[in-house]
């Protein structure tokens, strides 16, 4: 992962950071995020990464209302953490997409799914988890292909401050139950390993 450091000069704020993010000219397919005030560029995900995202997305459709969508490239703003995250999957009511911006406030998300890559695993495990919790995202599903003990799936919920409670944790191959409003099972047995 490449990173650009954003200089915080006096008078620069969130709007300046967002403008820099919007104006970053990245190669097609790269993901541009702001993580703790640093604009980062991530390369195109691996085929296994994309396969997991597709598998989860297909399983989510039966559990969402018709006026919700599942998005793979929609940015969520977490200004309190100087963050603009682009999760691997984001479930949000469609009405939240209005406003003419290329991002939405994180607090309108119903579920965020992050799938770790070797180069960004710590961001997904720590920085983004804290940001999503602080923003009040009710459910955060972390699919950690690079966990030290082998690939894991962890569902976090009940955010309080910048901390989530672990609702379910298991290894690839174990199913994860999403609570209301989803009320569905996410099968992980077909997830490719590392």
C-alpha atoms as a PDB file:
ATOM      1  CA  UNK A   1       0.000   0.000   0.000  1.00  0.00           C
ATOM      2  CA  UNK A   2       1.260   3.465  -0.838  1.00  0.00           C
ATOM      3  CA  UNK A   3       0.451   6.414   1.416  1.00  0.00           C
ATOM      4  CA  UNK A   4       0.531  10.170   1.051  1.00  0.00           C
ATOM      5  CA  UNK A   5       0.864  12.158   4.236  1.00  0.00           C
ATOM      6  CA  UNK A   6      -1.570  15.028   4.478  1.00  0.00           C
ATOM      7  CA  UNK A   7      -0.053  18.158   5.992  1.00  0.00           C
ATOM      8  CA  UNK A   8      -2.239  19.702   8.671  1.00  0.00           C
ATOM      9  CA  UNK A   9      -1.425  23.371   8.525  1.00  0.00           C
ATOM     10  CA  UNK A  10      -3.255  25.826  10.781  1.00  0.00           C
ATOM     11  CA  UNK A  11      -6.697  26.521   9.374  1.00  0.00           C
ATOM     12  CA  UNK A  12      -6.952  23.233   7.483  1.00  0.00           C
ATOM     13  CA  UNK A  13      -9.828  21.061   8.548  1.00  0.00           C
ATOM     14  CA  UNK A  14     -12.058  18.220   7.530  1.00  0.00           C
ATOM     15  CA  UNK A  15     -13.303  19.967   4.372  1.00  0.00           C
ATOM     16  CA  UNK A  16      -9.709  20.484   3.169  1.00  0.00           C
ATOM     17  CA  UNK A  17      -8.947  16.822   3.804  1.00  0.00           C
ATOM     18  CA  UNK A  18     -12.057  15.724   1.893  1.00  0.00           C
ATOM     19  CA  UNK A  19     -11.127  18.015  -1.019  1.00  0.00           C
ATOM     20  CA  UNK A  20      -7.648  16.431  -1.153  1.00  0.00           C
ATOM     21  CA  UNK A  21      -9.259  12.964  -1.110  1.00  0.00           C
ATOM     22  CA  UNK A  22     -11.648  13.928  -3.930  1.00  0.00           C
ATOM     23  CA  UNK A  23      -8.817  15.370  -6.029  1.00  0.00           C
ATOM     24  CA  UNK A  24      -6.398  12.453  -5.583  1.00  0.00           C
ATOM     25  CA  UNK A  25      -5.699  11.048  -9.040  1.00  0.00           C
ATOM     26  CA  UNK A  26      -5.250   7.320  -8.521  1.00  0.00           C
ATOM     27  CA  UNK A  27      -4.892   4.559 -11.111  1.00  0.00           C
ATOM     28  CA  UNK A  28      -8.181   2.888 -12.030  1.00  0.00           C
ATOM     29  CA  UNK A  29      -9.099   0.135  -9.609  1.00  0.00           C
ATOM     30  CA  UNK A  30      -7.136   1.577  -6.694  1.00  0.00           C
ATOM     31  CA  UNK A  31      -9.003   2.412  -3.527  1.00  0.00           C
ATOM     32  CA  UNK A  32      -8.382   5.899  -2.111  1.00  0.00           C
ATOM     33  CA  UNK A  33      -9.142   6.299   1.607  1.00  0.00           C
ATOM     34  CA  UNK A  34      -8.318   8.659   4.438  1.00  0.00           C
ATOM     35  CA  UNK A  35      -7.098   6.786   7.494  1.00  0.00           C
ATOM     36  CA  UNK A  36      -6.271   8.924  10.534  1.00  0.00           C
ATOM     37  CA  UNK A  37      -5.716  11.966   8.330  1.00  0.00           C
ATOM     38  CA  UNK A  38      -3.497  10.180   5.801  1.00  0.00           C
ATOM     39  CA  UNK A  39      -4.656   9.654   2.235  1.00  0.00           C
ATOM     40  CA  UNK A  40      -3.867   6.052   1.303  1.00  0.00           C
ATOM     41  CA  UNK A  41      -3.957   4.215  -1.993  1.00  0.00           C
ATOM     42  CA  UNK A  42      -4.614   0.491  -2.002  1.00  0.00           C
ATOM     43  CA  UNK A  43      -4.047  -1.686  -5.066  1.00  0.00           C
ATOM     44  CA  UNK A  44      -6.804  -3.692  -6.706  1.00  0.00           C
ATOM     45  CA  UNK A  45      -7.799  -6.584  -4.414  1.00  0.00           C
ATOM     46  CA  UNK A  46      -6.827 -10.179  -5.203  1.00  0.00           C
ATOM     47  CA  UNK A  47      -9.176 -12.604  -6.919  1.00  0.00           C
ATOM     48  CA  UNK A  48      -9.732 -14.458  -3.605  1.00  0.00           C
ATOM     49  CA  UNK A  49     -10.625 -11.157  -1.925  1.00  0.00           C
ATOM     50  CA  UNK A  50     -13.144 -10.347  -4.669  1.00  0.00           C
ATOM     51  CA  UNK A  51     -14.584 -13.876  -4.541  1.00  0.00           C
ATOM     52  CA  UNK A  52     -15.255 -13.539  -0.801  1.00  0.00           C
ATOM     53  CA  UNK A  53     -16.927 -10.150  -1.329  1.00  0.00           C
ATOM     54  CA  UNK A  54     -19.162 -11.621  -4.042  1.00  0.00           C
ATOM     55  CA  UNK A  55     -20.049 -14.647  -1.889  1.00  0.00           C
ATOM     56  CA  UNK A  56     -21.072 -12.458   1.053  1.00  0.00           C
ATOM     57  CA  UNK A  57     -22.965  -9.987  -1.127  1.00  0.00           C
ATOM     58  CA  UNK A  58     -25.062 -12.756  -2.697  1.00  0.00           C
ATOM     59  CA  UNK A  59     -25.955 -14.086   0.762  1.00  0.00           C
ATOM     60  CA  UNK A  60     -26.980 -10.640   2.037  1.00  0.00           C
ATOM     61  CA  UNK A  61     -29.646  -9.881  -0.583  1.00  0.00           C
ATOM     62  CA  UNK A  62     -32.420 -12.057   0.943  1.00  0.00           C
ATOM     63  CA  UNK A  63     -31.936 -10.300   4.307  1.00  0.00           C
ATOM     64  CA  UNK A  64     -32.329  -6.683   3.234  1.00  0.00           C
ATOM     65  CA  UNK A  65     -35.397  -4.600   2.410  1.00  0.00           C
ATOM     66  CA  UNK A  66     -35.970  -3.575  -1.220  1.00  0.00           C
ATOM     67  CA  UNK A  67     -35.092   0.043  -0.428  1.00  0.00           C
ATOM     68  CA  UNK A  68     -31.588  -0.855   0.828  1.00  0.00           C
ATOM     69  CA  UNK A  69     -28.516  -1.441  -1.306  1.00  0.00           C
ATOM     70  CA  UNK A  70     -25.212  -3.292  -1.045  1.00  0.00           C
ATOM     71  CA  UNK A  71     -22.265  -1.279  -2.332  1.00  0.00           C
ATOM     72  CA  UNK A  72     -18.602  -2.141  -2.958  1.00  0.00           C
ATOM     73  CA  UNK A  73     -17.110   1.261  -3.737  1.00  0.00           C
ATOM     74  CA  UNK A  74     -19.105   3.694  -1.596  1.00  0.00           C
ATOM     75  CA  UNK A  75     -17.042   5.777   0.816  1.00  0.00           C
ATOM     76  CA  UNK A  76     -18.185   6.473   4.371  1.00  0.00           C
ATOM     77  CA  UNK A  77     -17.107   9.596   6.225  1.00  0.00           C
ATOM     78  CA  UNK A  78     -15.911   9.426   9.823  1.00  0.00           C
ATOM     79  CA  UNK A  79     -14.835  13.056  10.384  1.00  0.00           C
ATOM     80  CA  UNK A  80     -14.264  12.612  14.128  1.00  0.00           C
ATOM     81  CA  UNK A  81     -11.450  10.150  13.291  1.00  0.00           C
ATOM     82  CA  UNK A  82     -10.202  12.033  10.212  1.00  0.00           C
ATOM     83  CA  UNK A  83     -11.369   9.067   8.157  1.00  0.00           C
ATOM     84  CA  UNK A  84     -12.929   8.380   4.792  1.00  0.00           C
ATOM     85  CA  UNK A  85     -13.178   4.609   4.542  1.00  0.00           C
ATOM     86  CA  UNK A  86     -14.185   2.557   1.507  1.00  0.00           C
ATOM     87  CA  UNK A  87     -15.383  -0.762   2.925  1.00  0.00           C
ATOM     88  CA  UNK A  88     -15.427  -3.926   0.853  1.00  0.00           C
ATOM     89  CA  UNK A  89     -19.213  -4.114   1.309  1.00  0.00           C
ATOM     90  CA  UNK A  90     -21.596  -1.566   2.740  1.00  0.00           C
ATOM     91  CA  UNK A  91     -25.308  -2.066   3.404  1.00  0.00           C
ATOM     92  CA  UNK A  92     -27.219   1.193   3.575  1.00  0.00           C
ATOM     93  CA  UNK A  93     -30.710   2.526   2.839  1.00  0.00           C
ATOM     94  CA  UNK A  94     -30.763   3.937  -0.686  1.00  0.00           C
ATOM     95  CA  UNK A  95     -32.133   7.294   0.486  1.00  0.00           C
ATOM     96  CA  UNK A  96     -28.734   7.941   2.140  1.00  0.00           C
ATOM     97  CA  UNK A  97     -27.124   8.263  -1.310  1.00  0.00           C
ATOM     98  CA  UNK A  98     -28.702  11.646  -1.988  1.00  0.00           C
ATOM     99  CA  UNK A  99     -26.800  14.885  -1.592  1.00  0.00           C
ATOM    100  CA  UNK A 100     -24.513  14.918  -4.610  1.00  0.00           C
ATOM    101  CA  UNK A 101     -21.349  13.806  -2.771  1.00  0.00           C
ATOM    102  CA  UNK A 102     -19.221  10.715  -3.403  1.00  0.00           C
ATOM    103  CA  UNK A 103     -19.579   9.542   0.190  1.00  0.00           C
ATOM    104  CA  UNK A 104     -22.135   9.143   2.948  1.00  0.00           C
ATOM    105  CA  UNK A 105     -21.910   9.670   6.705  1.00  0.00           C
ATOM    106  CA  UNK A 106     -20.933   6.412   8.414  1.00  0.00           C
ATOM    107  CA  UNK A 107     -23.804   6.611  10.884  1.00  0.00           C
ATOM    108  CA  UNK A 108     -26.377   5.761   8.179  1.00  0.00           C
ATOM    109  CA  UNK A 109     -24.771   2.375   7.451  1.00  0.00           C
ATOM    110  CA  UNK A 110     -26.536  -0.747   8.687  1.00  0.00           C
ATOM    111  CA  UNK A 111     -23.619  -3.147   8.097  1.00  0.00           C
ATOM    112  CA  UNK A 112     -20.006  -2.714   7.062  1.00  0.00           C
ATOM    113  CA  UNK A 113     -17.922  -5.648   5.795  1.00  0.00           C
ATOM    114  CA  UNK A 114     -14.129  -5.449   5.582  1.00  0.00           C
ATOM    115  CA  UNK A 115     -12.004  -8.225   4.090  1.00  0.00           C
ATOM    116  CA  UNK A 116      -8.374  -7.892   5.087  1.00  0.00           C
ATOM    117  CA  UNK A 117      -5.531  -7.771   2.642  1.00  0.00           C
ATOM    118  CA  UNK A 118      -2.059  -8.541   3.905  1.00  0.00           C
ATOM    119  CA  UNK A 119      -1.020  -4.891   3.567  1.00  0.00           C
ATOM    120  CA  UNK A 120      -3.998  -3.352   5.394  1.00  0.00           C
ATOM    121  CA  UNK A 121      -5.055  -5.914   7.980  1.00  0.00           C
ATOM    122  CA  UNK A 122      -4.193  -3.723  10.977  1.00  0.00           C
ATOM    123  CA  UNK A 123      -6.288  -0.849   9.610  1.00  0.00           C
ATOM    124  CA  UNK A 124      -9.315  -3.138   9.291  1.00  0.00           C
ATOM    125  CA  UNK A 125      -8.773  -4.763  12.703  1.00  0.00           C
ATOM    126  CA  UNK A 126      -8.029  -1.624  14.718  1.00  0.00           C
ATOM    127  CA  UNK A 127      -8.382   1.781  13.065  1.00  0.00           C
ATOM    128  CA  UNK A 128     -11.506   1.182  11.003  1.00  0.00           C
ATOM    129  CA  UNK A 129     -13.166  -0.893  13.727  1.00  0.00           C
ATOM    130  CA  UNK A 130     -12.779   2.020  16.153  1.00  0.00           C
ATOM    131  CA  UNK A 131     -14.002   4.504  13.547  1.00  0.00           C
ATOM    132  CA  UNK A 132     -17.080   2.478  12.619  1.00  0.00           C
ATOM    133  CA  UNK A 133     -17.915   1.938  16.294  1.00  0.00           C
ATOM    134  CA  UNK A 134     -17.500   5.618  17.125  1.00  0.00           C
ATOM    135  CA  UNK A 135     -19.751   6.530  14.186  1.00  0.00           C
ATOM    136  CA  UNK A 136     -22.434   4.164  15.521  1.00  0.00           C
ATOM    137  CA  UNK A 137     -22.429   1.593  12.696  1.00  0.00           C
ATOM    138  CA  UNK A 138     -24.501  -1.179  14.327  1.00  0.00           C
ATOM    139  CA  UNK A 139     -22.763  -4.192  12.736  1.00  0.00           C
ATOM    140  CA  UNK A 140     -19.193  -4.672  11.525  1.00  0.00           C
ATOM    141  CA  UNK A 141     -18.231  -7.973   9.880  1.00  0.00           C
ATOM    142  CA  UNK A 142     -14.465  -8.477   9.707  1.00  0.00           C
ATOM    143  CA  UNK A 143     -13.318 -11.244   7.385  1.00  0.00           C
ATOM    144  CA  UNK A 144      -9.673 -11.600   8.336  1.00  0.00           C
ATOM    145  CA  UNK A 145      -7.835 -13.708   5.778  1.00  0.00           C
ATOM    146  CA  UNK A 146      -4.520 -12.848   7.455  1.00  0.00           C
ATOM    147  CA  UNK A 147      -5.310 -13.494  11.138  1.00  0.00           C
ATOM    148  CA  UNK A 148      -2.276 -14.921  12.963  1.00  0.00           C
ATOM    149  CA  UNK A 149      -4.003 -18.237  13.801  1.00  0.00           C
ATOM    150  CA  UNK A 150      -5.534 -18.670  10.351  1.00  0.00           C
ATOM    151  CA  UNK A 151      -8.438 -17.033   8.520  1.00  0.00           C
ATOM    152  CA  UNK A 152     -11.268 -15.853  10.799  1.00  0.00           C
ATOM    153  CA  UNK A 153     -14.663 -14.190  10.612  1.00  0.00           C
ATOM    154  CA  UNK A 154     -15.742 -11.863  13.434  1.00  0.00           C
ATOM    155  CA  UNK A 155     -19.053 -10.068  13.784  1.00  0.00           C
ATOM    156  CA  UNK A 156     -18.968  -6.978  15.977  1.00  0.00           C
ATOM    157  CA  UNK A 157     -21.975  -5.088  17.304  1.00  0.00           C
ATOM    158  CA  UNK A 158     -23.336  -2.968  20.140  1.00  0.00           C
ATOM    159  CA  UNK A 159     -20.892  -0.085  19.615  1.00  0.00           C
ATOM    160  CA  UNK A 160     -20.057   2.022  22.657  1.00  0.00           C
ATOM    161  CA  UNK A 161     -17.627   4.880  22.163  1.00  0.00           C
ATOM    162  CA  UNK A 162     -14.966   3.556  19.810  1.00  0.00           C
ATOM    163  CA  UNK A 163     -15.318  -0.086  20.892  1.00  0.00           C
ATOM    164  CA  UNK A 164     -17.496  -2.928  19.655  1.00  0.00           C
ATOM    165  CA  UNK A 165     -18.623  -6.030  21.498  1.00  0.00           C
ATOM    166  CA  UNK A 166     -17.719  -9.292  19.727  1.00  0.00           C
ATOM    167  CA  UNK A 167     -21.005 -10.984  18.830  1.00  0.00           C
ATOM    168  CA  UNK A 168     -19.563 -14.003  16.988  1.00  0.00           C
ATOM    169  CA  UNK A 169     -16.057 -15.162  16.157  1.00  0.00           C
ATOM    170  CA  UNK A 170     -14.979 -18.230  14.245  1.00  0.00           C
ATOM    171  CA  UNK A 171     -12.754 -19.680  11.572  1.00  0.00           C
ATOM    172  CA  UNK A 172     -13.407 -19.942   7.850  1.00  0.00           C
ATOM    173  CA  UNK A 173     -15.897 -22.778   7.406  1.00  0.00           C
ATOM    174  CA  UNK A 174     -18.087 -21.712  10.344  1.00  0.00           C
ATOM    175  CA  UNK A 175     -21.346 -19.876   9.669  1.00  0.00           C
ATOM    176  CA  UNK A 176     -22.037 -16.421  11.097  1.00  0.00           C
ATOM    177  CA  UNK A 177     -25.559 -15.376  12.082  1.00  0.00           C
ATOM    178  CA  UNK A 178     -26.424 -11.747  11.441  1.00  0.00           C
ATOM    179  CA  UNK A 179     -29.005 -10.457  13.939  1.00  0.00           C
ATOM    180  CA  UNK A 180     -31.982  -8.198  13.202  1.00  0.00           C
ATOM    181  CA  UNK A 181     -32.679  -6.491  10.923  1.00  0.00           C
ATOM    182  CA  UNK A 182     -30.941  -9.099   8.724  1.00  0.00           C
ATOM    183  CA  UNK A 183     -31.837 -12.375  10.448  1.00  0.00           C
ATOM    184  CA  UNK A 184     -29.718 -14.498   8.135  1.00  0.00           C
ATOM    185  CA  UNK A 185     -26.802 -16.885   8.105  1.00  0.00           C
ATOM    186  CA  UNK A 186     -23.561 -16.093   6.288  1.00  0.00           C
ATOM    187  CA  UNK A 187     -21.888 -19.331   5.185  1.00  0.00           C
ATOM    188  CA  UNK A 188     -18.104 -19.172   5.025  1.00  0.00           C
ATOM    189  CA  UNK A 189     -17.325 -22.714   3.927  1.00  0.00           C
ATOM    190  CA  UNK A 190     -16.716 -21.621   0.316  1.00  0.00           C
ATOM    191  CA  UNK A 191     -14.328 -18.805   1.242  1.00  0.00           C
ATOM    192  CA  UNK A 192     -10.917 -19.289  -0.330  1.00  0.00           C
ATOM    193  CA  UNK A 193      -8.050 -19.282   2.189  1.00  0.00           C
ATOM    194  CA  UNK A 194      -5.118 -16.967   2.001  1.00  0.00           C
END
